[in-house]
């Protein structure tokens, strides 16, 4: 469960960092937005390295599913756009895939 919490925190840091840079670059926000984005993205990288998954590629694959679901939450909460049923079905499939990879039995 600790690893899953780290993935969720990493997704929040990455999405917030990307959004901050988007705000600075695309929406004309101040350089403070860009700086906050860089800090948040560094936090994301550090958090992802804390997972107890044995290989980076597997960690990234698991993270991908969590990231997609977190992005849909961001879409609703921050941007005020309601995900449609296809967004929700797709997000659920991605989370299921991530959980299978995370908790699936491994061969020695």
PDB file of N, CA and C in Angstrom:
ATOM      1  N   UNK A   1       0.822  -1.192   0.000  1.00  0.00           N
ATOM      2  CA  UNK A   1       0.000   0.000   0.000  1.00  0.00           C
ATOM      3  C   UNK A   1       0.867   1.257   0.000  1.00  0.00           C
ATOM      4  N   UNK A   2       2.042   1.188   0.661  1.00  0.00           N
ATOM      5  CA  UNK A   2       2.950   2.329   0.679  1.00  0.00           C
ATOM      6  C   UNK A   2       3.382   2.689  -0.739  1.00  0.00           C
ATOM      7  N   UNK A   3       3.687   1.687  -1.543  1.00  0.00           N
ATOM      8  CA  UNK A   3       4.124   1.946  -2.912  1.00  0.00           C
ATOM      9  C   UNK A   3       3.021   2.626  -3.712  1.00  0.00           C
ATOM     10  N   UNK A   4       1.796   2.193  -3.553  1.00  0.00           N
ATOM     11  CA  UNK A   4       0.678   2.809  -4.260  1.00  0.00           C
ATOM     12  C   UNK A   4       0.530   4.272  -3.843  1.00  0.00           C
ATOM     13  N   UNK A   5       0.699   4.574  -2.569  1.00  0.00           N
ATOM     14  CA  UNK A   5       0.620   5.957  -2.090  1.00  0.00           C
ATOM     15  C   UNK A   5       1.738   6.811  -2.705  1.00  0.00           C
ATOM     16  N   UNK A   6       2.913   6.239  -2.847  1.00  0.00           N
ATOM     17  CA  UNK A   6       4.021   6.970  -3.472  1.00  0.00           C
ATOM     18  C   UNK A   6       3.676   7.287  -4.918  1.00  0.00           C
ATOM     19  N   UNK A   7       3.096   6.340  -5.634  1.00  0.00           N
ATOM     20  CA  UNK A   7       2.706   6.586  -7.025  1.00  0.00           C
ATOM     21  C   UNK A   7       1.676   7.711  -7.119  1.00  0.00           C
ATOM     22  N   UNK A   8       0.727   7.726  -6.224  1.00  0.00           N
ATOM     23  CA  UNK A   8      -0.304   8.775  -6.229  1.00  0.00           C
ATOM     24  C   UNK A   8       0.342  10.139  -5.943  1.00  0.00           C
ATOM     25  N   UNK A   9       1.243  10.190  -4.968  1.00  0.00           N
ATOM     26  CA  UNK A   9       1.931  11.446  -4.656  1.00  0.00           C
ATOM     27  C   UNK A   9       2.803  11.889  -5.832  1.00  0.00           C
ATOM     28  N   UNK A  10       3.469  10.944  -6.475  1.00  0.00           N
ATOM     29  CA  UNK A  10       4.300  11.280  -7.636  1.00  0.00           C
ATOM     30  C   UNK A  10       3.445  11.833  -8.768  1.00  0.00           C
ATOM     31  N   UNK A  11       2.285  11.240  -8.980  1.00  0.00           N
ATOM     32  CA  UNK A  11       1.389  11.735 -10.032  1.00  0.00           C
ATOM     33  C   UNK A  11       0.932  13.160  -9.731  1.00  0.00           C
ATOM     34  N   UNK A  12       0.596  13.425  -8.479  1.00  0.00           N
ATOM     35  CA  UNK A  12       0.183  14.781  -8.112  1.00  0.00           C
ATOM     36  C   UNK A  12       1.313  15.775  -8.354  1.00  0.00           C
ATOM     37  N   UNK A  13       2.536  15.397  -7.995  1.00  0.00           N
ATOM     38  CA  UNK A  13       3.685  16.288  -8.200  1.00  0.00           C
ATOM     39  C   UNK A  13       3.954  16.515  -9.681  1.00  0.00           C
ATOM     40  N   UNK A  14       3.863  15.460 -10.477  1.00  0.00           N
ATOM     41  CA  UNK A  14       4.132  15.629 -11.907  1.00  0.00           C
ATOM     42  C   UNK A  14       3.058  16.477 -12.581  1.00  0.00           C
ATOM     43  N   UNK A  15       1.816  16.181 -12.300  1.00  0.00           N
ATOM     44  CA  UNK A  15       0.729  16.938 -12.935  1.00  0.00           C
ATOM     45  C   UNK A  15       0.784  18.402 -12.505  1.00  0.00           C
ATOM     46  N   UNK A  16       1.010  18.650 -11.222  1.00  0.00           N
ATOM     47  CA  UNK A  16       1.110  20.033 -10.754  1.00  0.00           C
ATOM     48  C   UNK A  16       2.300  20.740 -11.407  1.00  0.00           C
ATOM     49  N   UNK A  17       3.425  20.048 -11.523  1.00  0.00           N
ATOM     50  CA  UNK A  17       4.600  20.645 -12.155  1.00  0.00           C
ATOM     51  C   UNK A  17       4.379  20.954 -13.621  1.00  0.00           C
ATOM     52  N   UNK A  18       3.792  20.027 -14.326  1.00  0.00           N
ATOM     53  CA  UNK A  18       3.500  20.259 -15.747  1.00  0.00           C
ATOM     54  C   UNK A  18       2.490  21.387 -15.917  1.00  0.00           C
ATOM     55  N   UNK A  19       1.497  21.418 -15.050  1.00  0.00           N
ATOM     56  CA  UNK A  19       0.490  22.476 -15.135  1.00  0.00           C
ATOM     57  C   UNK A  19       1.111  23.844 -14.847  1.00  0.00           C
ATOM     58  N   UNK A  20       2.019  23.896 -13.877  1.00  0.00           N
ATOM     59  CA  UNK A  20       2.683  25.165 -13.552  1.00  0.00           C
ATOM     60  C   UNK A  20       3.500  25.661 -14.745  1.00  0.00           C
ATOM     61  N   UNK A  21       4.223  24.756 -15.382  1.00  0.00           N
ATOM     62  CA  UNK A  21       5.008  25.154 -16.559  1.00  0.00           C
ATOM     63  C   UNK A  21       4.077  25.547 -17.708  1.00  0.00           C
ATOM     64  N   UNK A  22       2.982  24.825 -17.869  1.00  0.00           N
ATOM     65  CA  UNK A  22       1.975  25.174 -18.881  1.00  0.00           C
ATOM     66  C   UNK A  22       1.454  26.594 -18.633  1.00  0.00           C
ATOM     67  N   UNK A  23       1.157  26.883 -17.360  1.00  0.00           N
ATOM     68  CA  UNK A  23       0.642  28.204 -16.997  1.00  0.00           C
ATOM     69  C   UNK A  23       1.664  29.296 -17.319  1.00  0.00           C
ATOM     70  N   UNK A  24       2.919  29.033 -17.005  1.00  0.00           N
ATOM     71  CA  UNK A  24       3.980  30.009 -17.289  1.00  0.00           C
ATOM     72  C   UNK A  24       4.182  30.178 -18.787  1.00  0.00           C
ATOM     73  N   UNK A  25       4.348  29.075 -19.483  1.00  0.00           N
ATOM     74  CA  UNK A  25       4.727  29.119 -20.895  1.00  0.00           C
ATOM     75  C   UNK A  25       3.559  29.448 -21.821  1.00  0.00           C
ATOM     76  N   UNK A  26       2.441  28.769 -21.651  1.00  0.00           N
ATOM     77  CA  UNK A  26       1.328  28.898 -22.595  1.00  0.00           C
ATOM     78  C   UNK A  26       0.327  29.990 -22.211  1.00  0.00           C
ATOM     79  N   UNK A  27       0.198  30.253 -20.913  1.00  0.00           N
ATOM     80  CA  UNK A  27      -0.807  31.212 -20.478  1.00  0.00           C
ATOM     81  C   UNK A  27      -0.210  32.545 -20.023  1.00  0.00           C
ATOM     82  N   UNK A  28       1.108  32.678 -20.164  1.00  0.00           N
ATOM     83  CA  UNK A  28       1.753  33.940 -19.830  1.00  0.00           C
ATOM     84  C   UNK A  28       1.896  34.220 -18.350  1.00  0.00           C
ATOM     85  N   UNK A  29       1.919  33.177 -17.543  1.00  0.00           N
ATOM     86  CA  UNK A  29       2.115  33.366 -16.111  1.00  0.00           C
ATOM     87  C   UNK A  29       3.529  33.846 -15.806  1.00  0.00           C
ATOM     88  N   UNK A  30       3.763  34.255 -14.594  1.00  0.00           N
ATOM     89  CA  UNK A  30       5.078  34.757 -14.206  1.00  0.00           C
ATOM     90  C   UNK A  30       6.101  33.621 -14.164  1.00  0.00           C
ATOM     91  N   UNK A  31       7.361  34.001 -14.117  1.00  0.00           N
ATOM     92  CA  UNK A  31       8.438  33.016 -14.041  1.00  0.00           C
ATOM     93  C   UNK A  31       8.333  32.182 -12.766  1.00  0.00           C
ATOM     94  N   UNK A  32       7.650  32.713 -11.749  1.00  0.00           N
ATOM     95  CA  UNK A  32       7.448  31.945 -10.520  1.00  0.00           C
ATOM     96  C   UNK A  32       6.685  30.651 -10.807  1.00  0.00           C
ATOM     97  N   UNK A  33       5.755  30.695 -11.752  1.00  0.00           N
ATOM     98  CA  UNK A  33       5.046  29.474 -12.159  1.00  0.00           C
ATOM     99  C   UNK A  33       6.028  28.459 -12.722  1.00  0.00           C
ATOM    100  N   UNK A  34       6.921  28.920 -13.590  1.00  0.00           N
ATOM    101  CA  UNK A  34       7.918  28.025 -14.167  1.00  0.00           C
ATOM    102  C   UNK A  34       8.835  27.437 -13.113  1.00  0.00           C
ATOM    103  N   UNK A  35       9.279  28.264 -12.185  1.00  0.00           N
ATOM    104  CA  UNK A  35      10.157  27.783 -11.117  1.00  0.00           C
ATOM    105  C   UNK A  35       9.443  26.759 -10.233  1.00  0.00           C
ATOM    106  N   UNK A  36       8.203  27.043  -9.894  1.00  0.00           N
ATOM    107  CA  UNK A  36       7.425  26.092  -9.092  1.00  0.00           C
ATOM    108  C   UNK A  36       7.261  24.773  -9.839  1.00  0.00           C
ATOM    109  N   UNK A  37       7.081  24.861 -11.156  1.00  0.00           N
ATOM    110  CA  UNK A  37       6.958  23.656 -11.961  1.00  0.00           C
ATOM    111  C   UNK A  37       8.216  22.813 -11.932  1.00  0.00           C
ATOM    112  N   UNK A  38       9.361  23.446 -12.023  1.00  0.00           N
ATOM    113  CA  UNK A  38      10.637  22.717 -11.983  1.00  0.00           C
ATOM    114  C   UNK A  38      10.807  22.024 -10.633  1.00  0.00           C
ATOM    115  N   UNK A  39      10.503  22.717  -9.553  1.00  0.00           N
ATOM    116  CA  UNK A  39      10.609  22.120  -8.218  1.00  0.00           C
ATOM    117  C   UNK A  39       9.660  20.934  -8.087  1.00  0.00           C
ATOM    118  N   UNK A  40       8.440  21.096  -8.554  1.00  0.00           N
ATOM    119  CA  UNK A  40       7.455  20.028  -8.462  1.00  0.00           C
ATOM    120  C   UNK A  40       7.864  18.815  -9.295  1.00  0.00           C
ATOM    121  N   UNK A  41       8.434  19.058 -10.468  1.00  0.00           N
ATOM    122  CA  UNK A  41       8.882  17.940 -11.302  1.00  0.00           C
ATOM    123  C   UNK A  41      10.082  17.221 -10.682  1.00  0.00           C
ATOM    124  N   UNK A  42      10.949  17.958 -10.010  1.00  0.00           N
ATOM    125  CA  UNK A  42      12.055  17.313  -9.292  1.00  0.00           C
ATOM    126  C   UNK A  42      11.507  16.439  -8.154  1.00  0.00           C
ATOM    127  N   UNK A  43      10.509  16.945  -7.449  1.00  0.00           N
ATOM    128  CA  UNK A  43       9.857  16.163  -6.394  1.00  0.00           C
ATOM    129  C   UNK A  43       9.255  14.888  -6.971  1.00  0.00           C
ATOM    130  N   UNK A  44       8.613  15.008  -8.127  1.00  0.00           N
ATOM    131  CA  UNK A  44       8.051  13.833  -8.806  1.00  0.00           C
ATOM    132  C   UNK A  44       9.118  12.769  -9.041  1.00  0.00           C
ATOM    133  N   UNK A  45      10.255  13.170  -9.604  1.00  0.00           N
ATOM    134  CA  UNK A  45      11.321  12.207  -9.882  1.00  0.00           C
ATOM    135  C   UNK A  45      11.833  11.538  -8.624  1.00  0.00           C
ATOM    136  N   UNK A  46      11.980  12.310  -7.579  1.00  0.00           N
ATOM    137  CA  UNK A  46      12.457  11.761  -6.311  1.00  0.00           C
ATOM    138  C   UNK A  46      11.439  10.768  -5.749  1.00  0.00           C
ATOM    139  N   UNK A  47      10.170  11.148  -5.747  1.00  0.00           N
ATOM    140  CA  UNK A  47       9.133  10.252  -5.228  1.00  0.00           C
ATOM    141  C   UNK A  47       9.095   8.937  -5.995  1.00  0.00           C
ATOM    142  N   UNK A  48       9.169   9.011  -7.306  1.00  0.00           N
ATOM    143  CA  UNK A  48       9.107   7.784  -8.101  1.00  0.00           C
ATOM    144  C   UNK A  48      10.271   6.859  -7.773  1.00  0.00           C
ATOM    145  N   UNK A  49      11.414   7.429  -7.413  1.00  0.00           N
ATOM    146  CA  UNK A  49      12.574   6.599  -7.067  1.00  0.00           C
ATOM    147  C   UNK A  49      12.420   5.905  -5.716  1.00  0.00           C
ATOM    148  N   UNK A  50      11.427   6.278  -4.930  1.00  0.00           N
ATOM    149  CA  UNK A  50      11.218   5.672  -3.612  1.00  0.00           C
ATOM    150  C   UNK A  50      10.408   4.382  -3.656  1.00  0.00           C
ATOM    151  N   UNK A  51       9.832   4.053  -4.786  1.00  0.00           N
ATOM    152  CA  UNK A  51       9.012   2.838  -4.853  1.00  0.00           C
ATOM    153  C   UNK A  51       9.882   1.614  -4.615  1.00  0.00           C
ATOM    154  N   UNK A  52       9.276   0.554  -4.118  1.00  0.00           N
ATOM    155  CA  UNK A  52      10.029  -0.664  -3.845  1.00  0.00           C
ATOM    156  C   UNK A  52       9.958  -1.663  -5.008  1.00  0.00           C
ATOM    157  N   UNK A  53       9.684  -1.157  -6.195  1.00  0.00           N
ATOM    158  CA  UNK A  53       9.686  -1.989  -7.399  1.00  0.00           C
ATOM    159  C   UNK A  53      11.133  -2.176  -7.828  1.00  0.00           C
ATOM    160  N   UNK A  54      11.465  -3.388  -8.264  1.00  0.00           N
ATOM    161  CA  UNK A  54      12.868  -3.727  -8.506  1.00  0.00           C
ATOM    162  C   UNK A  54      13.469  -3.182  -9.796  1.00  0.00           C
ATOM    163  N   UNK A  55      12.664  -2.747 -10.743  1.00  0.00           N
ATOM    164  CA  UNK A  55      13.231  -2.243 -11.996  1.00  0.00           C
ATOM    165  C   UNK A  55      12.502  -0.977 -12.438  1.00  0.00           C
ATOM    166  N   UNK A  56      13.254  -0.070 -13.025  1.00  0.00           N
ATOM    167  CA  UNK A  56      12.705   1.226 -13.417  1.00  0.00           C
ATOM    168  C   UNK A  56      11.577   1.080 -14.436  1.00  0.00           C
ATOM    169  N   UNK A  57      11.765   0.230 -15.431  1.00  0.00           N
ATOM    170  CA  UNK A  57      10.741   0.068 -16.456  1.00  0.00           C
ATOM    171  C   UNK A  57       9.413  -0.375 -15.883  1.00  0.00           C
ATOM    172  N   UNK A  58       9.443  -1.286 -14.934  1.00  0.00           N
ATOM    173  CA  UNK A  58       8.196  -1.737 -14.305  1.00  0.00           C
ATOM    174  C   UNK A  58       7.599  -0.616 -13.473  1.00  0.00           C
ATOM    175  N   UNK A  59       8.427   0.119 -12.763  1.00  0.00           N
ATOM    176  CA  UNK A  59       7.941   1.256 -11.977  1.00  0.00           C
ATOM    177  C   UNK A  59       7.261   2.270 -12.885  1.00  0.00           C
ATOM    178  N   UNK A  60       7.849   2.549 -14.038  1.00  0.00           N
ATOM    179  CA  UNK A  60       7.273   3.517 -14.971  1.00  0.00           C
ATOM    180  C   UNK A  60       5.957   2.999 -15.547  1.00  0.00           C
ATOM    181  N   UNK A  61       5.870   1.707 -15.832  1.00  0.00           N
ATOM    182  CA  UNK A  61       4.636   1.129 -16.368  1.00  0.00           C
ATOM    183  C   UNK A  61       3.499   1.241 -15.356  1.00  0.00           C
ATOM    184  N   UNK A  62       3.790   0.922 -14.103  1.00  0.00           N
ATOM    185  CA  UNK A  62       2.779   1.040 -13.051  1.00  0.00           C
ATOM    186  C   UNK A  62       2.356   2.498 -12.912  1.00  0.00           C
ATOM    187  N   UNK A  63       3.335   3.357 -12.889  1.00  0.00           N
ATOM    188  CA  UNK A  63       3.064   4.784 -12.736  1.00  0.00           C
ATOM    189  C   UNK A  63       2.163   5.310 -13.850  1.00  0.00           C
ATOM    190  N   UNK A  64       2.339   4.822 -15.052  1.00  0.00           N
ATOM    191  CA  UNK A  64       1.546   5.298 -16.180  1.00  0.00           C
ATOM    192  C   UNK A  64       0.053   5.174 -15.946  1.00  0.00           C
ATOM    193  N   UNK A  65      -0.374   4.051 -15.413  1.00  0.00           N
ATOM    194  CA  UNK A  65      -1.797   3.854 -15.143  1.00  0.00           C
ATOM    195  C   UNK A  65      -2.311   4.791 -14.059  1.00  0.00           C
ATOM    196  N   UNK A  66      -1.509   4.977 -13.021  1.00  0.00           N
ATOM    197  CA  UNK A  66      -1.896   5.877 -11.934  1.00  0.00           C
ATOM    198  C   UNK A  66      -1.944   7.314 -12.450  1.00  0.00           C
ATOM    199  N   UNK A  67      -0.981   7.680 -13.285  1.00  0.00           N
ATOM    200  CA  UNK A  67      -0.921   9.029 -13.854  1.00  0.00           C
ATOM    201  C   UNK A  67      -2.175   9.346 -14.667  1.00  0.00           C
ATOM    202  N   UNK A  68      -2.630   8.402 -15.462  1.00  0.00           N
ATOM    203  CA  UNK A  68      -3.816   8.630 -16.285  1.00  0.00           C
ATOM    204  C   UNK A  68      -5.034   8.899 -15.407  1.00  0.00           C
ATOM    205  N   UNK A  69      -5.222   8.093 -14.375  1.00  0.00           N
ATOM    206  CA  UNK A  69      -6.364   8.305 -13.477  1.00  0.00           C
ATOM    207  C   UNK A  69      -6.242   9.647 -12.749  1.00  0.00           C
ATOM    208  N   UNK A  70      -5.042   9.966 -12.288  1.00  0.00           N
ATOM    209  CA  UNK A  70      -4.831  11.237 -11.588  1.00  0.00           C
ATOM    210  C   UNK A  70      -5.088  12.420 -12.525  1.00  0.00           C
ATOM    211  N   UNK A  71      -4.753  12.266 -13.786  1.00  0.00           N
ATOM    212  CA  UNK A  71      -5.003  13.335 -14.759  1.00  0.00           C
ATOM    213  C   UNK A  71      -6.492  13.589 -14.931  1.00  0.00           C
ATOM    214  N   UNK A  72      -7.288  12.543 -14.876  1.00  0.00           N
ATOM    215  CA  UNK A  72      -8.735  12.714 -14.980  1.00  0.00           C
ATOM    216  C   UNK A  72      -9.303  13.400 -13.739  1.00  0.00           C
ATOM    217  N   UNK A  73      -8.730  13.109 -12.578  1.00  0.00           N
ATOM    218  CA  UNK A  73      -9.137  13.813 -11.360  1.00  0.00           C
ATOM    219  C   UNK A  73      -8.766  15.291 -11.492  1.00  0.00           C
ATOM    220  N   UNK A  74      -7.555  15.573 -11.984  1.00  0.00           N
ATOM    221  CA  UNK A  74      -7.119  16.963 -12.200  1.00  0.00           C
ATOM    222  C   UNK A  74      -8.067  17.677 -13.163  1.00  0.00           C
ATOM    223  N   UNK A  75      -8.439  16.989 -14.242  1.00  0.00           N
ATOM    224  CA  UNK A  75      -9.359  17.551 -15.228  1.00  0.00           C
ATOM    225  C   UNK A  75     -10.634  18.052 -14.543  1.00  0.00           C
ATOM    226  N   UNK A  76     -11.149  17.254 -13.642  1.00  0.00           N
ATOM    227  CA  UNK A  76     -12.406  17.605 -12.963  1.00  0.00           C
ATOM    228  C   UNK A  76     -12.207  18.664 -11.883  1.00  0.00           C
ATOM    229  N   UNK A  77     -11.239  18.430 -11.015  1.00  0.00           N
ATOM    230  CA  UNK A  77     -11.088  19.272  -9.831  1.00  0.00           C
ATOM    231  C   UNK A  77     -10.480  20.636 -10.162  1.00  0.00           C
ATOM    232  N   UNK A  78      -9.440  20.655 -10.959  1.00  0.00           N
ATOM    233  CA  UNK A  78      -8.722  21.907 -11.227  1.00  0.00           C
ATOM    234  C   UNK A  78      -9.284  22.639 -12.442  1.00  0.00           C
ATOM    235  N   UNK A  79      -9.553  21.901 -13.518  1.00  0.00           N
ATOM    236  CA  UNK A  79     -10.007  22.545 -14.747  1.00  0.00           C
ATOM    237  C   UNK A  79     -11.523  22.634 -14.864  1.00  0.00           C
ATOM    238  N   UNK A  80     -12.235  21.938 -13.977  1.00  0.00           N
ATOM    239  CA  UNK A  80     -13.688  22.032 -13.965  1.00  0.00           C
ATOM    240  C   UNK A  80     -14.379  21.344 -15.133  1.00  0.00           C
ATOM    241  N   UNK A  81     -13.693  20.418 -15.782  1.00  0.00           N
ATOM    242  CA  UNK A  81     -14.264  19.679 -16.907  1.00  0.00           C
ATOM    243  C   UNK A  81     -14.596  18.270 -16.423  1.00  0.00           C
ATOM    244  N   UNK A  82     -15.836  17.864 -16.599  1.00  0.00           N
ATOM    245  CA  UNK A  82     -16.244  16.529 -16.164  1.00  0.00           C
ATOM    246  C   UNK A  82     -15.784  15.476 -17.159  1.00  0.00           C
ATOM    247  N   UNK A  83     -15.058  14.468 -16.684  1.00  0.00           N
ATOM    248  CA  UNK A  83     -14.698  13.361 -17.575  1.00  0.00           C
ATOM    249  C   UNK A  83     -15.966  12.653 -18.046  1.00  0.00           C
ATOM    250  N   UNK A  84     -15.969  12.231 -19.307  1.00  0.00           N
ATOM    251  CA  UNK A  84     -17.131  11.493 -19.787  1.00  0.00           C
ATOM    252  C   UNK A  84     -16.965  10.007 -19.471  1.00  0.00           C
ATOM    253  N   UNK A  85     -17.957   9.222 -19.842  1.00  0.00           N
ATOM    254  CA  UNK A  85     -17.897   7.806 -19.476  1.00  0.00           C
ATOM    255  C   UNK A  85     -16.723   7.103 -20.118  1.00  0.00           C
ATOM    256  N   UNK A  86     -16.301   7.531 -21.307  1.00  0.00           N
ATOM    257  CA  UNK A  86     -15.166   6.894 -21.974  1.00  0.00           C
ATOM    258  C   UNK A  86     -13.860   7.237 -21.272  1.00  0.00           C
ATOM    259  N   UNK A  87     -13.769   8.462 -20.752  1.00  0.00           N
ATOM    260  CA  UNK A  87     -12.614   8.819 -19.926  1.00  0.00           C
ATOM    261  C   UNK A  87     -12.557   7.916 -18.696  1.00  0.00           C
ATOM    262  N   UNK A  88     -13.694   7.743 -18.046  1.00  0.00           N
ATOM    263  CA  UNK A  88     -13.743   6.949 -16.818  1.00  0.00           C
ATOM    264  C   UNK A  88     -13.474   5.471 -17.082  1.00  0.00           C
ATOM    265  N   UNK A  89     -14.037   4.936 -18.154  1.00  0.00           N
ATOM    266  CA  UNK A  89     -13.775   3.531 -18.498  1.00  0.00           C
ATOM    267  C   UNK A  89     -12.306   3.346 -18.824  1.00  0.00           C
ATOM    268  N   UNK A  90     -11.755   4.233 -19.636  1.00  0.00           N
ATOM    269  CA  UNK A  90     -10.337   4.138 -19.994  1.00  0.00           C
ATOM    270  C   UNK A  90      -9.437   4.267 -18.780  1.00  0.00           C
ATOM    271  N   UNK A  91      -9.762   5.209 -17.882  1.00  0.00           N
ATOM    272  CA  UNK A  91      -8.976   5.362 -16.663  1.00  0.00           C
ATOM    273  C   UNK A  91      -9.031   4.128 -15.787  1.00  0.00           C
ATOM    274  N   UNK A  92     -10.209   3.523 -15.678  1.00  0.00           N
ATOM    275  CA  UNK A  92     -10.355   2.304 -14.874  1.00  0.00           C
ATOM    276  C   UNK A  92      -9.531   1.162 -15.457  1.00  0.00           C
ATOM    277  N   UNK A  93      -9.537   1.023 -16.772  1.00  0.00           N
ATOM    278  CA  UNK A  93      -8.736  -0.017 -17.423  1.00  0.00           C
ATOM    279  C   UNK A  93      -7.256   0.201 -17.130  1.00  0.00           C
ATOM    280  N   UNK A  94      -6.813   1.456 -17.194  1.00  0.00           N
ATOM    281  CA  UNK A  94      -5.402   1.762 -16.932  1.00  0.00           C
ATOM    282  C   UNK A  94      -5.012   1.462 -15.492  1.00  0.00           C
ATOM    283  N   UNK A  95      -5.877   1.822 -14.544  1.00  0.00           N
ATOM    284  CA  UNK A  95      -5.589   1.544 -13.140  1.00  0.00           C
ATOM    285  C   UNK A  95      -5.566   0.038 -12.905  1.00  0.00           C
ATOM    286  N   UNK A  96      -6.494  -0.671 -13.492  1.00  0.00           N
ATOM    287  CA  UNK A  96      -6.496  -2.128 -13.352  1.00  0.00           C
ATOM    288  C   UNK A  96      -5.190  -2.716 -13.882  1.00  0.00           C
ATOM    289  N   UNK A  97      -4.752  -2.254 -15.025  1.00  0.00           N
ATOM    290  CA  UNK A  97      -3.479  -2.729 -15.577  1.00  0.00           C
ATOM    291  C   UNK A  97      -2.315  -2.418 -14.660  1.00  0.00           C
ATOM    292  N   UNK A  98      -2.293  -1.211 -14.104  1.00  0.00           N
ATOM    293  CA  UNK A  98      -1.213  -0.829 -13.191  1.00  0.00           C
ATOM    294  C   UNK A  98      -1.208  -1.723 -11.949  1.00  0.00           C
ATOM    295  N   UNK A  99      -2.393  -2.015 -11.405  1.00  0.00           N
ATOM    296  CA  UNK A  99      -2.479  -2.860 -10.219  1.00  0.00           C
ATOM    297  C   UNK A  99      -2.059  -4.293 -10.509  1.00  0.00           C
ATOM    298  N   UNK A 100      -2.390  -4.774 -11.699  1.00  0.00           N
ATOM    299  CA  UNK A 100      -1.949  -6.126 -12.081  1.00  0.00           C
ATOM    300  C   UNK A 100      -0.430  -6.174 -12.130  1.00  0.00           C
ATOM    301  N   UNK A 101       0.180  -5.174 -12.735  1.00  0.00           N
ATOM    302  CA  UNK A 101       1.643  -5.143 -12.811  1.00  0.00           C
ATOM    303  C   UNK A 101       2.253  -5.010 -11.413  1.00  0.00           C
ATOM    304  N   UNK A 102       1.675  -4.151 -10.571  1.00  0.00           N
ATOM    305  CA  UNK A 102       2.219  -3.912  -9.234  1.00  0.00           C
ATOM    306  C   UNK A 102       2.096  -5.133  -8.340  1.00  0.00           C
ATOM    307  N   UNK A 103       0.928  -5.755  -8.300  1.00  0.00           N
ATOM    308  CA  UNK A 103       0.672  -6.820  -7.343  1.00  0.00           C
ATOM    309  C   UNK A 103       0.728  -8.224  -7.924  1.00  0.00           C
ATOM    310  N   UNK A 104       1.002  -8.362  -9.214  1.00  0.00           N
ATOM    311  CA  UNK A 104       1.078  -9.684  -9.820  1.00  0.00           C
ATOM    312  C   UNK A 104       2.235 -10.494  -9.263  1.00  0.00           C
ATOM    313  N   UNK A 105       2.041 -11.808  -9.153  1.00  0.00           N
ATOM    314  CA  UNK A 105       3.135 -12.648  -8.639  1.00  0.00           C
ATOM    315  C   UNK A 105       4.317 -12.640  -9.607  1.00  0.00           C
ATOM    316  N   UNK A 106       5.504 -12.613  -9.066  1.00  0.00           N
ATOM    317  CA  UNK A 106       6.726 -12.569  -9.875  1.00  0.00           C
ATOM    318  C   UNK A 106       7.445 -13.903  -9.768  1.00  0.00           C
ATOM    319  N   UNK A 107       8.058 -14.301 -10.867  1.00  0.00           N
ATOM    320  CA  UNK A 107       8.901 -15.491 -10.872  1.00  0.00           C
ATOM    321  C   UNK A 107      10.285 -15.118 -10.355  1.00  0.00           C
ATOM    322  N   UNK A 108      10.886 -16.009  -9.644  1.00  0.00           N
ATOM    323  CA  UNK A 108      12.235 -15.731  -9.073  1.00  0.00           C
ATOM    324  C   UNK A 108      13.316 -15.797 -10.103  1.00  0.00           C
TER     325      UNK A 108
END
